[in-house]
Each structure stands twice: as structure tokens, then as C-alpha cells.
Amino acid sequence: MATKAQIRREQLREKLVEAAEIRIDQHGLSDLRARDLAKDAGCALGAIYNVFEDLNAIVMAVNGRTFKRLGQAVGTSFDGSEPPMQRLIVMSTAYLHFADKNTNLWRALFDLQMPNDGSVPDWYRSALKDLFSFIAEPVSELFPELDRVEMDLMTRALFSSVHGIVTLGLENRISGVPPEQIERMIAQVLSRIGNK
């Protein structure tokens, strides 16, 4: 049974993650400050570091929640009866819509500076692996001749392609695509790949 101190610690942890999620969603990752989080959570600045190692650890916790929501959005976008190429297009469209509706939280997934020692938590790697598993299934149907290493590479290549189109499109860069045409561009690229 948890002690009162453990319960308070867990409650503070949850308040800090919720406060960080709100701030990232509204203002972006670059404006996240420990002092603001302490104020939002109603705690002393030093109390943050009794619960989290640093600000990055809080962002990792927020990103874990965002990955879960992204996985749900992508995973519920298809029913499995679609041909594999159509499934990839539907999932990519769900990815785009999630990124568009949750832009700052979505960006935080990729903008967070990872530790130099490479110690990325297992749950974080697992969340990314789950997202890739949605892509891997139709890819294996489209390219049954690929071995496991090549399959993983193709899965990551397709993800990177879609992610790049979405990123440039949402940033409205000159090299990007107008937002109203992002879905069409993704479908065109994926369809060409499927025609081998």
C-alpha cells in the first residue's frame, strides 16, 4: 500500500505532466519553463526535481501520452479490410489530421533533445515501435519478398516520407505543399511506391 508521501508525490507528478501538456499544446516546447510549471501545479520550483530528474523527463512523460493518443488515432483509422496501399493512405491521413490538430504536442515528439548517453526509456521506444507496427503490416503485404531488416528499413522510409510531407506542409515552407493538398500529395507518393 502506498504511503501518503508516495501518493502526494504521484499526484504532484500528474499535475506537472498535465501542466506541461497544456503549456506545450498552447505555446510549444521552446516556451516550457520550470518556473511556470511550478506555478501551474501549485508547488515550489525545487519540488519539481523531487519528482522528475529534469525538464526533459517531464516532456518525455508528456510525449508518452501524446504517442498513445497518436497511436490510437492511427490504429483506429482503418478496419483491416482495406487493401494494403489504401490502409497506408488512411493511416497517413490520420497522422496528418492528428499533427494538424495537435501541432505543438506532435512537434514535441520530435523536437525533444534526447540524452547524449542514449538512455531513451524502454516505454518511449515501445511507443514508437507500436506506431511502426501499424505501418509494417501493410508493408509486408505489399513487399513479401523483403527480409526483416529490409522490411524495417522500408517501414521507416515510408514513415519518414509521410512525416516529411506533413512537417513541410504544416510549416508552409516554400518547398512544402499547401495544407489543402497535403492529403493528395501523400496519396500520390504512397500510390507510386505501391506500384513498384
C-alpha atoms as a PDB file:
ATOM      1  CA  MET A   1       0.000   0.000   0.000  1.00  0.00           C
ATOM      2  CA  ALA A   2       1.292   3.444  -0.944  1.00  0.00           C
ATOM      3  CA  THR A   3       2.273   5.855   1.789  1.00  0.00           C
ATOM      4  CA  LYS A   4       0.860   9.375   1.988  1.00  0.00           C
ATOM      5  CA  ALA A   5       4.192  10.739   0.762  1.00  0.00           C
ATOM      6  CA  GLN A   6       4.123   8.397  -2.255  1.00  0.00           C
ATOM      7  CA  ILE A   7       0.531   9.396  -3.039  1.00  0.00           C
ATOM      8  CA  ARG A   8       1.417  13.126  -2.809  1.00  0.00           C
ATOM      9  CA  ARG A   9       4.459  12.551  -4.983  1.00  0.00           C
ATOM     10  CA  GLU A  10       2.373  10.753  -7.623  1.00  0.00           C
ATOM     11  CA  GLN A  11      -0.282  13.487  -7.508  1.00  0.00           C
ATOM     12  CA  LEU A  12       2.379  16.167  -7.997  1.00  0.00           C
ATOM     13  CA  ARG A  13       3.873  14.160 -10.845  1.00  0.00           C
ATOM     14  CA  GLU A  14       0.470  14.005 -12.571  1.00  0.00           C
ATOM     15  CA  LYS A  15      -0.165  17.741 -12.024  1.00  0.00           C
ATOM     16  CA  LEU A  16       3.220  18.602 -13.530  1.00  0.00           C
ATOM     17  CA  VAL A  17       2.664  16.400 -16.578  1.00  0.00           C
ATOM     18  CA  GLU A  18      -0.802  17.873 -17.129  1.00  0.00           C
ATOM     19  CA  ALA A  19       0.525  21.423 -16.716  1.00  0.00           C
ATOM     20  CA  ALA A  20       3.383  20.714 -19.146  1.00  0.00           C
ATOM     21  CA  GLU A  21       0.990  19.172 -21.656  1.00  0.00           C
ATOM     22  CA  ILE A  22      -1.231  22.248 -21.567  1.00  0.00           C
ATOM     23  CA  ARG A  23       1.714  24.636 -21.890  1.00  0.00           C
ATOM     24  CA  ILE A  24       3.295  22.689 -24.762  1.00  0.00           C
ATOM     25  CA  ASP A  25      -0.059  22.461 -26.530  1.00  0.00           C
ATOM     26  CA  GLN A  26      -0.684  26.197 -26.202  1.00  0.00           C
ATOM     27  CA  HIS A  27       2.804  27.670 -26.572  1.00  0.00           C
ATOM     28  CA  GLY A  28       5.142  24.987 -27.916  1.00  0.00           C
ATOM     29  CA  LEU A  29       8.070  23.159 -26.393  1.00  0.00           C
ATOM     30  CA  SER A  30      10.510  26.071 -26.640  1.00  0.00           C
ATOM     31  CA  ASP A  31       8.427  28.161 -24.192  1.00  0.00           C
ATOM     32  CA  LEU A  32       8.268  25.479 -21.492  1.00  0.00           C
ATOM     33  CA  ARG A  33       9.796  26.780 -18.228  1.00  0.00           C
ATOM     34  CA  ALA A  34      10.119  25.039 -14.870  1.00  0.00           C
ATOM     35  CA  ARG A  35       9.037  28.176 -13.011  1.00  0.00           C
ATOM     36  CA  ASP A  36       5.772  28.298 -14.973  1.00  0.00           C
ATOM     37  CA  LEU A  37       5.122  24.606 -14.319  1.00  0.00           C
ATOM     38  CA  ALA A  38       5.694  25.055 -10.596  1.00  0.00           C
ATOM     39  CA  LYS A  39       3.174  27.902 -10.565  1.00  0.00           C
ATOM     40  CA  ASP A  40       0.625  25.907 -12.595  1.00  0.00           C
ATOM     41  CA  ALA A  41       0.999  22.833 -10.376  1.00  0.00           C
ATOM     42  CA  GLY A  42       0.947  24.874  -7.159  1.00  0.00           C
ATOM     43  CA  CYS A  43       4.332  23.706  -5.912  1.00  0.00           C
ATOM     44  CA  ALA A  44       7.761  25.116  -5.161  1.00  0.00           C
ATOM     45  CA  LEU A  45      10.255  25.183  -8.010  1.00  0.00           C
ATOM     46  CA  GLY A  46      12.531  22.727  -6.192  1.00  0.00           C
ATOM     47  CA  ALA A  47       9.662  20.265  -5.697  1.00  0.00           C
ATOM     48  CA  ILE A  48       9.703  19.565  -9.444  1.00  0.00           C
ATOM     49  CA  TYR A  49      13.141  17.994  -9.112  1.00  0.00           C
ATOM     50  CA  ASN A  50      11.975  15.729  -6.292  1.00  0.00           C
ATOM     51  CA  VAL A  51       9.587  14.148  -8.780  1.00  0.00           C
ATOM     52  CA  PHE A  52      11.449  14.463 -12.107  1.00  0.00           C
ATOM     53  CA  GLU A  53      15.140  14.400 -12.892  1.00  0.00           C
ATOM     54  CA  ASP A  54      14.845  17.423 -15.176  1.00  0.00           C
ATOM     55  CA  LEU A  55      12.521  19.254 -17.566  1.00  0.00           C
ATOM     56  CA  ASN A  56      13.288  16.733 -20.324  1.00  0.00           C
ATOM     57  CA  ALA A  57      11.876  13.949 -18.144  1.00  0.00           C
ATOM     58  CA  ILE A  58       8.599  15.863 -17.851  1.00  0.00           C
ATOM     59  CA  VAL A  59       8.494  16.367 -21.621  1.00  0.00           C
ATOM     60  CA  MET A  60       9.174  12.636 -22.089  1.00  0.00           C
ATOM     61  CA  ALA A  61       6.133  11.895 -19.902  1.00  0.00           C
ATOM     62  CA  VAL A  62       4.015  14.287 -21.980  1.00  0.00           C
ATOM     63  CA  ASN A  63       5.354  12.695 -25.164  1.00  0.00           C
ATOM     64  CA  GLY A  64       4.386   9.274 -23.838  1.00  0.00           C
ATOM     65  CA  ARG A  65       0.801  10.470 -23.549  1.00  0.00           C
ATOM     66  CA  THR A  66       0.966  12.062 -26.999  1.00  0.00           C
ATOM     67  CA  PHE A  67       2.367   8.864 -28.547  1.00  0.00           C
ATOM     68  CA  LYS A  68      -0.513   6.924 -27.017  1.00  0.00           C
ATOM     69  CA  ARG A  69      -3.089   9.319 -28.483  1.00  0.00           C
ATOM     70  CA  LEU A  70      -1.318   9.315 -31.855  1.00  0.00           C
ATOM     71  CA  GLY A  71      -1.254   5.513 -31.854  1.00  0.00           C
ATOM     72  CA  GLN A  72      -4.981   5.434 -31.101  1.00  0.00           C
ATOM     73  CA  ALA A  73      -5.706   7.903 -33.910  1.00  0.00           C
ATOM     74  CA  VAL A  74      -3.689   5.922 -36.439  1.00  0.00           C
ATOM     75  CA  GLY A  75      -4.771   2.494 -35.145  1.00  0.00           C
ATOM     76  CA  THR A  76      -8.487   3.280 -35.289  1.00  0.00           C
ATOM     77  CA  SER A  77      -8.347   4.898 -38.730  1.00  0.00           C
ATOM     78  CA  PHE A  78      -8.701   1.574 -40.558  1.00  0.00           C
ATOM     79  CA  ASP A  79     -10.605  -1.651 -40.061  1.00  0.00           C
ATOM     80  CA  GLY A  80      -8.128  -4.018 -41.719  1.00  0.00           C
ATOM     81  CA  SER A  81     -10.332  -4.889 -44.677  1.00  0.00           C
ATOM     82  CA  GLU A  82      -8.745  -2.217 -46.880  1.00  0.00           C
ATOM     83  CA  PRO A  83      -6.126  -3.185 -49.455  1.00  0.00           C
ATOM     84  CA  PRO A  84      -2.654  -2.547 -48.001  1.00  0.00           C
ATOM     85  CA  MET A  85      -1.967   0.606 -50.018  1.00  0.00           C
ATOM     86  CA  GLN A  86      -5.315   2.113 -49.068  1.00  0.00           C
ATOM     87  CA  ARG A  87      -4.595   1.271 -45.418  1.00  0.00           C
ATOM     88  CA  LEU A  88      -1.283   3.142 -45.599  1.00  0.00           C
ATOM     89  CA  ILE A  89      -3.019   6.151 -47.132  1.00  0.00           C
ATOM     90  CA  VAL A  90      -5.776   6.113 -44.490  1.00  0.00           C
ATOM     91  CA  MET A  91      -3.219   5.846 -41.675  1.00  0.00           C
ATOM     92  CA  SER A  92      -1.146   8.654 -43.191  1.00  0.00           C
ATOM     93  CA  THR A  93      -4.225  10.852 -43.384  1.00  0.00           C
ATOM     94  CA  ALA A  94      -4.972  10.103 -39.714  1.00  0.00           C
ATOM     95  CA  TYR A  95      -1.359  11.012 -38.908  1.00  0.00           C
ATOM     96  CA  LEU A  96      -1.733  14.293 -40.784  1.00  0.00           C
ATOM     97  CA  HIS A  97      -5.002  15.158 -39.019  1.00  0.00           C
ATOM     98  CA  PHE A  98      -3.512  14.368 -35.618  1.00  0.00           C
ATOM     99  CA  ALA A  99      -0.462  16.538 -36.367  1.00  0.00           C
ATOM    100  CA  ASP A 100      -2.661  19.369 -37.620  1.00  0.00           C
ATOM    101  CA  LYS A 101      -4.979  19.320 -34.576  1.00  0.00           C
ATOM    102  CA  ASN A 102      -2.172  18.811 -32.027  1.00  0.00           C
ATOM    103  CA  THR A 103       0.697  20.577 -33.778  1.00  0.00           C
ATOM    104  CA  ASN A 104       2.733  21.676 -30.759  1.00  0.00           C
ATOM    105  CA  LEU A 105       2.374  18.354 -28.928  1.00  0.00           C
ATOM    106  CA  TRP A 106       3.172  16.469 -32.134  1.00  0.00           C
ATOM    107  CA  ARG A 107       6.267  18.605 -32.744  1.00  0.00           C
ATOM    108  CA  ALA A 108       7.454  17.935 -29.189  1.00  0.00           C
ATOM    109  CA  LEU A 109       7.683  14.230 -30.075  1.00  0.00           C
ATOM    110  CA  PHE A 110      10.486  15.042 -32.489  1.00  0.00           C
ATOM    111  CA  ASP A 111      11.948  18.270 -31.083  1.00  0.00           C
ATOM    112  CA  LEU A 112      12.914  16.958 -27.658  1.00  0.00           C
ATOM    113  CA  GLN A 113      16.667  16.742 -27.171  1.00  0.00           C
ATOM    114  CA  MET A 114      17.489  13.151 -26.251  1.00  0.00           C
ATOM    115  CA  PRO A 115      20.184  12.421 -23.663  1.00  0.00           C
ATOM    116  CA  ASN A 116      23.725  12.134 -25.036  1.00  0.00           C
ATOM    117  CA  ASP A 117      24.216   8.782 -23.341  1.00  0.00           C
ATOM    118  CA  GLY A 118      21.427   7.342 -25.492  1.00  0.00           C
ATOM    119  CA  SER A 119      19.362   6.273 -22.493  1.00  0.00           C
ATOM    120  CA  VAL A 120      15.913   6.547 -24.010  1.00  0.00           C
ATOM    121  CA  PRO A 121      13.333   4.863 -21.772  1.00  0.00           C
ATOM    122  CA  ASP A 122      12.031   1.489 -22.933  1.00  0.00           C
ATOM    123  CA  TRP A 123       8.409   2.710 -22.848  1.00  0.00           C
ATOM    124  CA  TYR A 124       9.353   5.511 -25.250  1.00  0.00           C
ATOM    125  CA  ARG A 125      10.964   3.110 -27.698  1.00  0.00           C
ATOM    126  CA  SER A 126       7.971   0.797 -27.317  1.00  0.00           C
ATOM    127  CA  ALA A 127       5.515   3.596 -28.204  1.00  0.00           C
ATOM    128  CA  LEU A 128       7.443   4.333 -31.402  1.00  0.00           C
ATOM    129  CA  LYS A 129       7.663   0.620 -32.193  1.00  0.00           C
ATOM    130  CA  ASP A 130       3.876   0.309 -31.794  1.00  0.00           C
ATOM    131  CA  LEU A 131       3.370   3.144 -34.267  1.00  0.00           C
ATOM    132  CA  PHE A 132       5.719   1.481 -36.750  1.00  0.00           C
ATOM    133  CA  SER A 133       3.917  -1.856 -36.337  1.00  0.00           C
ATOM    134  CA  PHE A 134       0.778  -0.333 -37.880  1.00  0.00           C
ATOM    135  CA  ILE A 135       2.840   0.555 -40.946  1.00  0.00           C
ATOM    136  CA  ALA A 136       4.776  -2.713 -41.067  1.00  0.00           C
ATOM    137  CA  GLU A 137       1.727  -4.914 -41.618  1.00  0.00           C
ATOM    138  CA  PRO A 138       0.585  -3.431 -44.954  1.00  0.00           C
ATOM    139  CA  VAL A 139       4.228  -3.014 -45.992  1.00  0.00           C
ATOM    140  CA  SER A 140       4.769  -6.767 -45.512  1.00  0.00           C
ATOM    141  CA  GLU A 141       1.715  -7.429 -47.695  1.00  0.00           C
ATOM    142  CA  LEU A 142       2.996  -5.095 -50.409  1.00  0.00           C
ATOM    143  CA  PHE A 143       6.588  -6.347 -50.286  1.00  0.00           C
ATOM    144  CA  PRO A 144       6.511 -10.010 -49.206  1.00  0.00           C
ATOM    145  CA  GLU A 145       9.956 -10.589 -50.712  1.00  0.00           C
ATOM    146  CA  LEU A 146      11.697  -8.303 -48.196  1.00  0.00           C
ATOM    147  CA  ASP A 147      13.597  -9.837 -45.295  1.00  0.00           C
ATOM    148  CA  ARG A 148      13.127  -8.460 -41.760  1.00  0.00           C
ATOM    149  CA  VAL A 149      15.942  -5.898 -41.996  1.00  0.00           C
ATOM    150  CA  GLU A 150      14.731  -4.563 -45.361  1.00  0.00           C
ATOM    151  CA  MET A 151      11.127  -4.558 -44.085  1.00  0.00           C
ATOM    152  CA  ASP A 152      12.107  -2.412 -41.101  1.00  0.00           C
ATOM    153  CA  LEU A 153      14.014  -0.088 -43.399  1.00  0.00           C
ATOM    154  CA  MET A 154      11.046   0.255 -45.792  1.00  0.00           C
ATOM    155  CA  THR A 155       8.676   0.880 -42.869  1.00  0.00           C
ATOM    156  CA  ARG A 156      10.892   3.654 -41.531  1.00  0.00           C
ATOM    157  CA  ALA A 157      11.379   5.083 -45.020  1.00  0.00           C
ATOM    158  CA  LEU A 158       7.618   5.322 -45.584  1.00  0.00           C
ATOM    159  CA  PHE A 159       7.107   6.870 -42.157  1.00  0.00           C
ATOM    160  CA  SER A 160       9.902   9.372 -42.834  1.00  0.00           C
ATOM    161  CA  SER A 161       8.410  10.244 -46.227  1.00  0.00           C
ATOM    162  CA  VAL A 162       4.953  10.916 -44.808  1.00  0.00           C
ATOM    163  CA  HIS A 163       6.391  12.708 -41.781  1.00  0.00           C
ATOM    164  CA  GLY A 164       8.466  14.970 -44.040  1.00  0.00           C
ATOM    165  CA  ILE A 165       5.485  15.871 -46.211  1.00  0.00           C
ATOM    166  CA  VAL A 166       3.359  16.592 -43.132  1.00  0.00           C
ATOM    167  CA  THR A 167       6.110  18.637 -41.468  1.00  0.00           C
ATOM    168  CA  LEU A 168       6.803  20.787 -44.506  1.00  0.00           C
ATOM    169  CA  GLY A 169       3.122  21.145 -45.299  1.00  0.00           C
ATOM    170  CA  LEU A 170       2.190  22.252 -41.791  1.00  0.00           C
ATOM    171  CA  GLU A 171       5.095  24.691 -41.690  1.00  0.00           C
ATOM    172  CA  ASN A 172       4.010  26.187 -45.029  1.00  0.00           C
ATOM    173  CA  ARG A 173       7.603  26.185 -46.235  1.00  0.00           C
ATOM    174  CA  ILE A 174       8.342  27.163 -49.808  1.00  0.00           C
ATOM    175  CA  SER A 175       9.384  23.571 -50.537  1.00  0.00           C
ATOM    176  CA  GLY A 176       6.258  22.266 -48.849  1.00  0.00           C
ATOM    177  CA  VAL A 177       2.806  21.746 -50.158  1.00  0.00           C
ATOM    178  CA  PRO A 178      -0.256  23.919 -49.479  1.00  0.00           C
ATOM    179  CA  PRO A 179      -2.153  22.496 -46.481  1.00  0.00           C
ATOM    180  CA  GLU A 180      -5.243  21.740 -48.552  1.00  0.00           C
ATOM    181  CA  GLN A 181      -3.171  19.489 -50.829  1.00  0.00           C
ATOM    182  CA  ILE A 182      -1.141  17.545 -48.251  1.00  0.00           C
ATOM    183  CA  GLU A 183      -3.520  14.556 -48.245  1.00  0.00           C
ATOM    184  CA  ARG A 184      -3.392  14.371 -52.026  1.00  0.00           C
ATOM    185  CA  MET A 185       0.399  14.535 -52.085  1.00  0.00           C
ATOM    186  CA  ILE A 186       0.707  11.738 -49.505  1.00  0.00           C
ATOM    187  CA  ALA A 187      -1.679   9.556 -51.510  1.00  0.00           C
ATOM    188  CA  GLN A 188       0.248  10.216 -54.735  1.00  0.00           C
ATOM    189  CA  VAL A 189       3.610   9.302 -53.175  1.00  0.00           C
ATOM    190  CA  LEU A 190       2.341   6.173 -51.458  1.00  0.00           C
ATOM    191  CA  SER A 191       0.426   5.003 -54.545  1.00  0.00           C
ATOM    192  CA  ARG A 192       3.563   5.242 -56.665  1.00  0.00           C
ATOM    193  CA  ILE A 193       5.509   3.189 -54.135  1.00  0.00           C
ATOM    194  CA  GLY A 194       2.783   0.558 -54.119  1.00  0.00           C
ATOM    195  CA  ASN A 195       3.011   0.199 -57.887  1.00  0.00           C
ATOM    196  CA  LYS A 196       6.662  -0.858 -57.589  1.00  0.00           C
END
